[in-house]
């Protein structure tokens, strides 16, 4: 029963479509009708509003961190991992949007912060460094997420290595179209200097 509760808490939190809610509230329209068509922070950034994109990133990360921390506190570490998967899948497949959500990167960051905060900070540092160098959000997310199981081991959290590998695999699966474009050299770049 604890695992069922953990999964539901994670999924309900993860399925809140902050990208859509915030972009509409800011008068930017339906973010699903631009760019990649998903509700994540990178696509919100394509509206040109960096503040709303940053707020989306924070909220999407929070909906990964909060259920993990809540369940960890009340139901234990095993249930917290269930909540982590629930949150990630909730973001990717939100019931409110016909199971069509984002790709899970910001929520994955939040999950890492909830499970072991140094991992989340290392992910952010890697993502930012690669994004500044190559100007590609997808490449940054793929490399940073792939590094996380190794980071878990390096931080003495071998117990998290396999679950984090599974979470990272979900993120990679959701980026399969981006991977094809990266291999073809046609992946779009993000303009971090663009003013809102």
C-alpha atoms as a PDB file:
ATOM      1  CA  UNK A   1       0.000   0.000   0.000  1.00  0.00           C
ATOM      2  CA  UNK A   2       2.901   2.369   0.748  1.00  0.00           C
ATOM      3  CA  UNK A   3       4.187   1.895  -2.787  1.00  0.00           C
ATOM      4  CA  UNK A   4       0.734   2.578  -4.261  1.00  0.00           C
ATOM      5  CA  UNK A   5       0.447   5.780  -2.243  1.00  0.00           C
ATOM      6  CA  UNK A   6       3.978   6.785  -3.251  1.00  0.00           C
ATOM      7  CA  UNK A   7       3.248   6.173  -6.930  1.00  0.00           C
ATOM      8  CA  UNK A   8       0.034   8.209  -6.774  1.00  0.00           C
ATOM      9  CA  UNK A   9       1.662  11.100  -4.917  1.00  0.00           C
ATOM     10  CA  UNK A  10       4.506  11.152  -7.428  1.00  0.00           C
ATOM     11  CA  UNK A  11       2.252  10.891 -10.456  1.00  0.00           C
ATOM     12  CA  UNK A  12      -0.234  13.561  -9.349  1.00  0.00           C
ATOM     13  CA  UNK A  13       2.553  16.028  -8.558  1.00  0.00           C
ATOM     14  CA  UNK A  14       4.466  15.201 -11.722  1.00  0.00           C
ATOM     15  CA  UNK A  15       1.426  15.573 -13.953  1.00  0.00           C
ATOM     16  CA  UNK A  16       0.826  19.263 -13.122  1.00  0.00           C
ATOM     17  CA  UNK A  17       1.519  20.970 -16.501  1.00  0.00           C
ATOM     18  CA  UNK A  18       3.338  24.052 -15.254  1.00  0.00           C
ATOM     19  CA  UNK A  19       4.747  24.933 -18.687  1.00  0.00           C
ATOM     20  CA  UNK A  20       1.268  25.176 -20.150  1.00  0.00           C
ATOM     21  CA  UNK A  21      -0.242  26.915 -17.117  1.00  0.00           C
ATOM     22  CA  UNK A  22       2.513  29.523 -16.796  1.00  0.00           C
ATOM     23  CA  UNK A  23       2.792  30.284 -20.519  1.00  0.00           C
ATOM     24  CA  UNK A  24      -0.965  30.811 -20.781  1.00  0.00           C
ATOM     25  CA  UNK A  25      -1.014  32.945 -17.623  1.00  0.00           C
ATOM     26  CA  UNK A  26       1.744  35.112 -19.105  1.00  0.00           C
ATOM     27  CA  UNK A  27      -0.231  35.620 -22.303  1.00  0.00           C
ATOM     28  CA  UNK A  28       2.137  33.519 -24.398  1.00  0.00           C
ATOM     29  CA  UNK A  29      -0.581  31.208 -25.697  1.00  0.00           C
ATOM     30  CA  UNK A  30      -0.536  27.435 -25.864  1.00  0.00           C
ATOM     31  CA  UNK A  31       3.108  26.331 -25.708  1.00  0.00           C
ATOM     32  CA  UNK A  32       2.096  23.024 -27.295  1.00  0.00           C
ATOM     33  CA  UNK A  33       1.564  24.861 -30.589  1.00  0.00           C
ATOM     34  CA  UNK A  34       5.158  26.030 -30.969  1.00  0.00           C
ATOM     35  CA  UNK A  35       8.565  24.414 -31.313  1.00  0.00           C
ATOM     36  CA  UNK A  36       8.641  20.796 -30.204  1.00  0.00           C
ATOM     37  CA  UNK A  37       5.050  20.971 -28.988  1.00  0.00           C
ATOM     38  CA  UNK A  38       5.831  19.773 -25.477  1.00  0.00           C
ATOM     39  CA  UNK A  39       5.289  21.553 -22.165  1.00  0.00           C
ATOM     40  CA  UNK A  40       8.858  21.646 -20.865  1.00  0.00           C
ATOM     41  CA  UNK A  41      11.031  24.643 -20.028  1.00  0.00           C
ATOM     42  CA  UNK A  42      13.096  24.407 -23.232  1.00  0.00           C
ATOM     43  CA  UNK A  43       9.998  24.746 -25.361  1.00  0.00           C
ATOM     44  CA  UNK A  44       8.687  27.586 -23.188  1.00  0.00           C
ATOM     45  CA  UNK A  45      12.038  29.307 -23.829  1.00  0.00           C
ATOM     46  CA  UNK A  46      11.158  29.303 -27.528  1.00  0.00           C
ATOM     47  CA  UNK A  47       8.420  31.849 -26.752  1.00  0.00           C
ATOM     48  CA  UNK A  48      11.247  34.288 -26.056  1.00  0.00           C
ATOM     49  CA  UNK A  49      10.263  34.743 -22.414  1.00  0.00           C
ATOM     50  CA  UNK A  50      13.232  33.598 -20.345  1.00  0.00           C
ATOM     51  CA  UNK A  51      11.560  34.458 -17.035  1.00  0.00           C
ATOM     52  CA  UNK A  52       8.601  32.169 -17.682  1.00  0.00           C
ATOM     53  CA  UNK A  53      10.947  29.480 -19.002  1.00  0.00           C
ATOM     54  CA  UNK A  54      13.036  29.724 -15.811  1.00  0.00           C
ATOM     55  CA  UNK A  55       9.906  29.603 -13.658  1.00  0.00           C
ATOM     56  CA  UNK A  56       8.732  26.535 -15.585  1.00  0.00           C
ATOM     57  CA  UNK A  57      12.094  24.899 -14.947  1.00  0.00           C
ATOM     58  CA  UNK A  58      11.847  25.603 -11.220  1.00  0.00           C
ATOM     59  CA  UNK A  59       8.262  24.366 -10.958  1.00  0.00           C
ATOM     60  CA  UNK A  60       8.940  21.242 -12.999  1.00  0.00           C
ATOM     61  CA  UNK A  61      11.958  20.504 -10.795  1.00  0.00           C
ATOM     62  CA  UNK A  62       9.881  21.101  -7.664  1.00  0.00           C
ATOM     63  CA  UNK A  63       7.263  18.591  -8.750  1.00  0.00           C
ATOM     64  CA  UNK A  64      10.036  16.001  -8.846  1.00  0.00           C
ATOM     65  CA  UNK A  65      11.713  16.984  -5.577  1.00  0.00           C
ATOM     66  CA  UNK A  66       8.677  17.551  -3.354  1.00  0.00           C
ATOM     67  CA  UNK A  67       6.952  14.163  -3.719  1.00  0.00           C
ATOM     68  CA  UNK A  68      10.287  12.381  -3.298  1.00  0.00           C
ATOM     69  CA  UNK A  69      11.084  14.302  -0.116  1.00  0.00           C
ATOM     70  CA  UNK A  70       7.551  13.919   1.223  1.00  0.00           C
ATOM     71  CA  UNK A  71       7.433  10.179   0.645  1.00  0.00           C
ATOM     72  CA  UNK A  72      11.003   9.733   1.894  1.00  0.00           C
ATOM     73  CA  UNK A  73      10.052  11.435   5.142  1.00  0.00           C
ATOM     74  CA  UNK A  74       6.876   9.452   5.757  1.00  0.00           C
ATOM     75  CA  UNK A  75       7.241   6.141   3.935  1.00  0.00           C
ATOM     76  CA  UNK A  76      10.985   5.540   3.560  1.00  0.00           C
ATOM     77  CA  UNK A  77      13.629   5.355   0.864  1.00  0.00           C
ATOM     78  CA  UNK A  78      12.187   2.491  -1.181  1.00  0.00           C
ATOM     79  CA  UNK A  79       8.826   4.235  -1.471  1.00  0.00           C
ATOM     80  CA  UNK A  80      10.639   7.473  -2.366  1.00  0.00           C
ATOM     81  CA  UNK A  81      12.091   5.752  -5.427  1.00  0.00           C
ATOM     82  CA  UNK A  82       8.584   4.694  -6.440  1.00  0.00           C
ATOM     83  CA  UNK A  83       7.472   8.314  -6.048  1.00  0.00           C
ATOM     84  CA  UNK A  84      10.404   9.362  -8.224  1.00  0.00           C
ATOM     85  CA  UNK A  85       9.282   7.142 -11.079  1.00  0.00           C
ATOM     86  CA  UNK A  86       5.694   8.290 -10.568  1.00  0.00           C
ATOM     87  CA  UNK A  87       6.711  11.950 -10.809  1.00  0.00           C
ATOM     88  CA  UNK A  88       8.770  11.452 -13.953  1.00  0.00           C
ATOM     89  CA  UNK A  89       6.041   9.443 -15.674  1.00  0.00           C
ATOM     90  CA  UNK A  90       3.447  11.968 -14.527  1.00  0.00           C
ATOM     91  CA  UNK A  91       5.341  14.762 -16.259  1.00  0.00           C
ATOM     92  CA  UNK A  92       5.810  12.755 -19.432  1.00  0.00           C
ATOM     93  CA  UNK A  93       2.290  11.306 -19.491  1.00  0.00           C
ATOM     94  CA  UNK A  94      -0.042  13.752 -17.679  1.00  0.00           C
ATOM     95  CA  UNK A  95      -3.614  12.535 -17.557  1.00  0.00           C
ATOM     96  CA  UNK A  96      -4.902  16.116 -17.863  1.00  0.00           C
ATOM     97  CA  UNK A  97      -3.301  16.562 -21.310  1.00  0.00           C
ATOM     98  CA  UNK A  98      -4.179  13.252 -22.906  1.00  0.00           C
ATOM     99  CA  UNK A  99      -0.916  11.708 -21.658  1.00  0.00           C
ATOM    100  CA  UNK A 100       1.185  14.091 -23.786  1.00  0.00           C
ATOM    101  CA  UNK A 101       3.620  16.038 -21.651  1.00  0.00           C
ATOM    102  CA  UNK A 102       7.297  16.940 -21.592  1.00  0.00           C
ATOM    103  CA  UNK A 103      10.517  14.968 -21.826  1.00  0.00           C
ATOM    104  CA  UNK A 104      11.227  14.921 -18.131  1.00  0.00           C
ATOM    105  CA  UNK A 105      14.577  16.686 -17.762  1.00  0.00           C
ATOM    106  CA  UNK A 106      13.612  19.325 -15.180  1.00  0.00           C
ATOM    107  CA  UNK A 107      11.570  16.810 -13.212  1.00  0.00           C
ATOM    108  CA  UNK A 108      14.549  14.432 -13.296  1.00  0.00           C
ATOM    109  CA  UNK A 109      16.698  17.223 -11.841  1.00  0.00           C
ATOM    110  CA  UNK A 110      14.184  17.695  -9.042  1.00  0.00           C
ATOM    111  CA  UNK A 111      14.130  13.968  -8.357  1.00  0.00           C
ATOM    112  CA  UNK A 112      17.923  13.956  -8.069  1.00  0.00           C
ATOM    113  CA  UNK A 113      17.794  16.903  -5.672  1.00  0.00           C
ATOM    114  CA  UNK A 114      15.255  15.020  -3.570  1.00  0.00           C
ATOM    115  CA  UNK A 115      17.145  11.734  -3.537  1.00  0.00           C
ATOM    116  CA  UNK A 116      20.637  13.177  -3.015  1.00  0.00           C
ATOM    117  CA  UNK A 117      20.976  16.921  -3.579  1.00  0.00           C
ATOM    118  CA  UNK A 118      24.669  16.890  -4.666  1.00  0.00           C
ATOM    119  CA  UNK A 119      23.627  14.778  -7.663  1.00  0.00           C
ATOM    120  CA  UNK A 120      21.122  17.417  -8.694  1.00  0.00           C
ATOM    121  CA  UNK A 121      23.704  20.180  -8.435  1.00  0.00           C
ATOM    122  CA  UNK A 122      26.228  18.187 -10.469  1.00  0.00           C
ATOM    123  CA  UNK A 123      23.573  17.561 -13.118  1.00  0.00           C
ATOM    124  CA  UNK A 124      22.844  21.291 -13.318  1.00  0.00           C
ATOM    125  CA  UNK A 125      26.554  22.133 -13.582  1.00  0.00           C
ATOM    126  CA  UNK A 126      27.065  19.593 -16.371  1.00  0.00           C
ATOM    127  CA  UNK A 127      23.926  20.703 -18.222  1.00  0.00           C
ATOM    128  CA  UNK A 128      24.906  24.381 -18.067  1.00  0.00           C
ATOM    129  CA  UNK A 129      28.495  23.778 -19.152  1.00  0.00           C
ATOM    130  CA  UNK A 130      27.449  21.692 -22.167  1.00  0.00           C
ATOM    131  CA  UNK A 131      24.602  24.070 -23.057  1.00  0.00           C
ATOM    132  CA  UNK A 132      26.944  27.066 -23.041  1.00  0.00           C
ATOM    133  CA  UNK A 133      29.460  25.166 -25.155  1.00  0.00           C
ATOM    134  CA  UNK A 134      27.177  23.563 -27.746  1.00  0.00           C
ATOM    135  CA  UNK A 135      23.919  25.569 -27.384  1.00  0.00           C
ATOM    136  CA  UNK A 136      21.858  22.370 -27.503  1.00  0.00           C
ATOM    137  CA  UNK A 137      19.520  21.565 -24.631  1.00  0.00           C
ATOM    138  CA  UNK A 138      18.978  17.970 -25.713  1.00  0.00           C
ATOM    139  CA  UNK A 139      22.700  17.179 -25.876  1.00  0.00           C
ATOM    140  CA  UNK A 140      23.190  18.732 -22.449  1.00  0.00           C
ATOM    141  CA  UNK A 141      20.362  16.665 -20.964  1.00  0.00           C
ATOM    142  CA  UNK A 142      21.541  13.425 -22.554  1.00  0.00           C
ATOM    143  CA  UNK A 143      25.145  13.747 -21.398  1.00  0.00           C
ATOM    144  CA  UNK A 144      24.254  14.943 -17.896  1.00  0.00           C
ATOM    145  CA  UNK A 145      21.650  12.222 -17.358  1.00  0.00           C
ATOM    146  CA  UNK A 146      24.004   9.506 -18.643  1.00  0.00           C
ATOM    147  CA  UNK A 147      26.617  10.644 -16.126  1.00  0.00           C
ATOM    148  CA  UNK A 148      24.335  10.403 -13.110  1.00  0.00           C
ATOM    149  CA  UNK A 149      24.706   6.661 -12.322  1.00  0.00           C
ATOM    150  CA  UNK A 150      28.488   7.158 -12.249  1.00  0.00           C
ATOM    151  CA  UNK A 151      28.038  10.260 -10.101  1.00  0.00           C
ATOM    152  CA  UNK A 152      25.905   8.230  -7.689  1.00  0.00           C
ATOM    153  CA  UNK A 153      28.713   5.708  -7.299  1.00  0.00           C
ATOM    154  CA  UNK A 154      31.313   8.472  -6.897  1.00  0.00           C
ATOM    155  CA  UNK A 155      29.248  10.101  -4.148  1.00  0.00           C
ATOM    156  CA  UNK A 156      28.987   6.839  -2.235  1.00  0.00           C
ATOM    157  CA  UNK A 157      25.346   6.288  -3.161  1.00  0.00           C
ATOM    158  CA  UNK A 158      25.675   2.984  -4.977  1.00  0.00           C
ATOM    159  CA  UNK A 159      22.115   2.202  -3.856  1.00  0.00           C
ATOM    160  CA  UNK A 160      20.882   4.931  -6.228  1.00  0.00           C
ATOM    161  CA  UNK A 161      22.982   3.987  -9.248  1.00  0.00           C
ATOM    162  CA  UNK A 162      20.557   1.454 -10.747  1.00  0.00           C
ATOM    163  CA  UNK A 163      17.352   3.459 -10.100  1.00  0.00           C
ATOM    164  CA  UNK A 164      18.995   6.594 -11.511  1.00  0.00           C
ATOM    165  CA  UNK A 165      20.146   4.600 -14.543  1.00  0.00           C
ATOM    166  CA  UNK A 166      16.532   3.521 -15.128  1.00  0.00           C
ATOM    167  CA  UNK A 167      15.269   7.096 -14.754  1.00  0.00           C
ATOM    168  CA  UNK A 168      17.975   8.341 -17.127  1.00  0.00           C
ATOM    169  CA  UNK A 169      16.994   5.630 -19.622  1.00  0.00           C
ATOM    170  CA  UNK A 170      13.424   6.998 -19.626  1.00  0.00           C
ATOM    171  CA  UNK A 171      14.794  10.482 -20.326  1.00  0.00           C
ATOM    172  CA  UNK A 172      16.871   9.071 -23.199  1.00  0.00           C
ATOM    173  CA  UNK A 173      13.874   7.252 -24.656  1.00  0.00           C
ATOM    174  CA  UNK A 174      11.901  10.493 -24.608  1.00  0.00           C
ATOM    175  CA  UNK A 175      14.764  12.149 -26.501  1.00  0.00           C
ATOM    176  CA  UNK A 176      14.965   9.534 -29.252  1.00  0.00           C
ATOM    177  CA  UNK A 177      13.904  12.032 -31.944  1.00  0.00           C
ATOM    178  CA  UNK A 178      16.527  14.480 -30.664  1.00  0.00           C
ATOM    179  CA  UNK A 179      19.150  11.745 -30.788  1.00  0.00           C
ATOM    180  CA  UNK A 180      18.300  11.097 -34.444  1.00  0.00           C
ATOM    181  CA  UNK A 181      18.640  14.819 -35.211  1.00  0.00           C
ATOM    182  CA  UNK A 182      21.910  15.034 -33.293  1.00  0.00           C
ATOM    183  CA  UNK A 183      23.320  12.165 -35.325  1.00  0.00           C
ATOM    184  CA  UNK A 184      22.100  13.831 -38.519  1.00  0.00           C
ATOM    185  CA  UNK A 185      23.495  17.207 -37.498  1.00  0.00           C
ATOM    186  CA  UNK A 186      20.082  18.870 -37.686  1.00  0.00           C
ATOM    187  CA  UNK A 187      19.277  19.401 -34.008  1.00  0.00           C
ATOM    188  CA  UNK A 188      18.054  22.910 -33.197  1.00  0.00           C
ATOM    189  CA  UNK A 189      20.011  25.168 -30.881  1.00  0.00           C
ATOM    190  CA  UNK A 190      18.844  27.313 -27.990  1.00  0.00           C
ATOM    191  CA  UNK A 191      19.555  31.028 -27.898  1.00  0.00           C
ATOM    192  CA  UNK A 192      20.595  31.730 -24.325  1.00  0.00           C
ATOM    193  CA  UNK A 193      21.298  35.364 -25.189  1.00  0.00           C
ATOM    194  CA  UNK A 194      17.823  36.060 -26.533  1.00  0.00           C
ATOM    195  CA  UNK A 195      16.024  38.698 -24.502  1.00  0.00           C
ATOM    196  CA  UNK A 196      12.542  38.135 -23.096  1.00  0.00           C
END
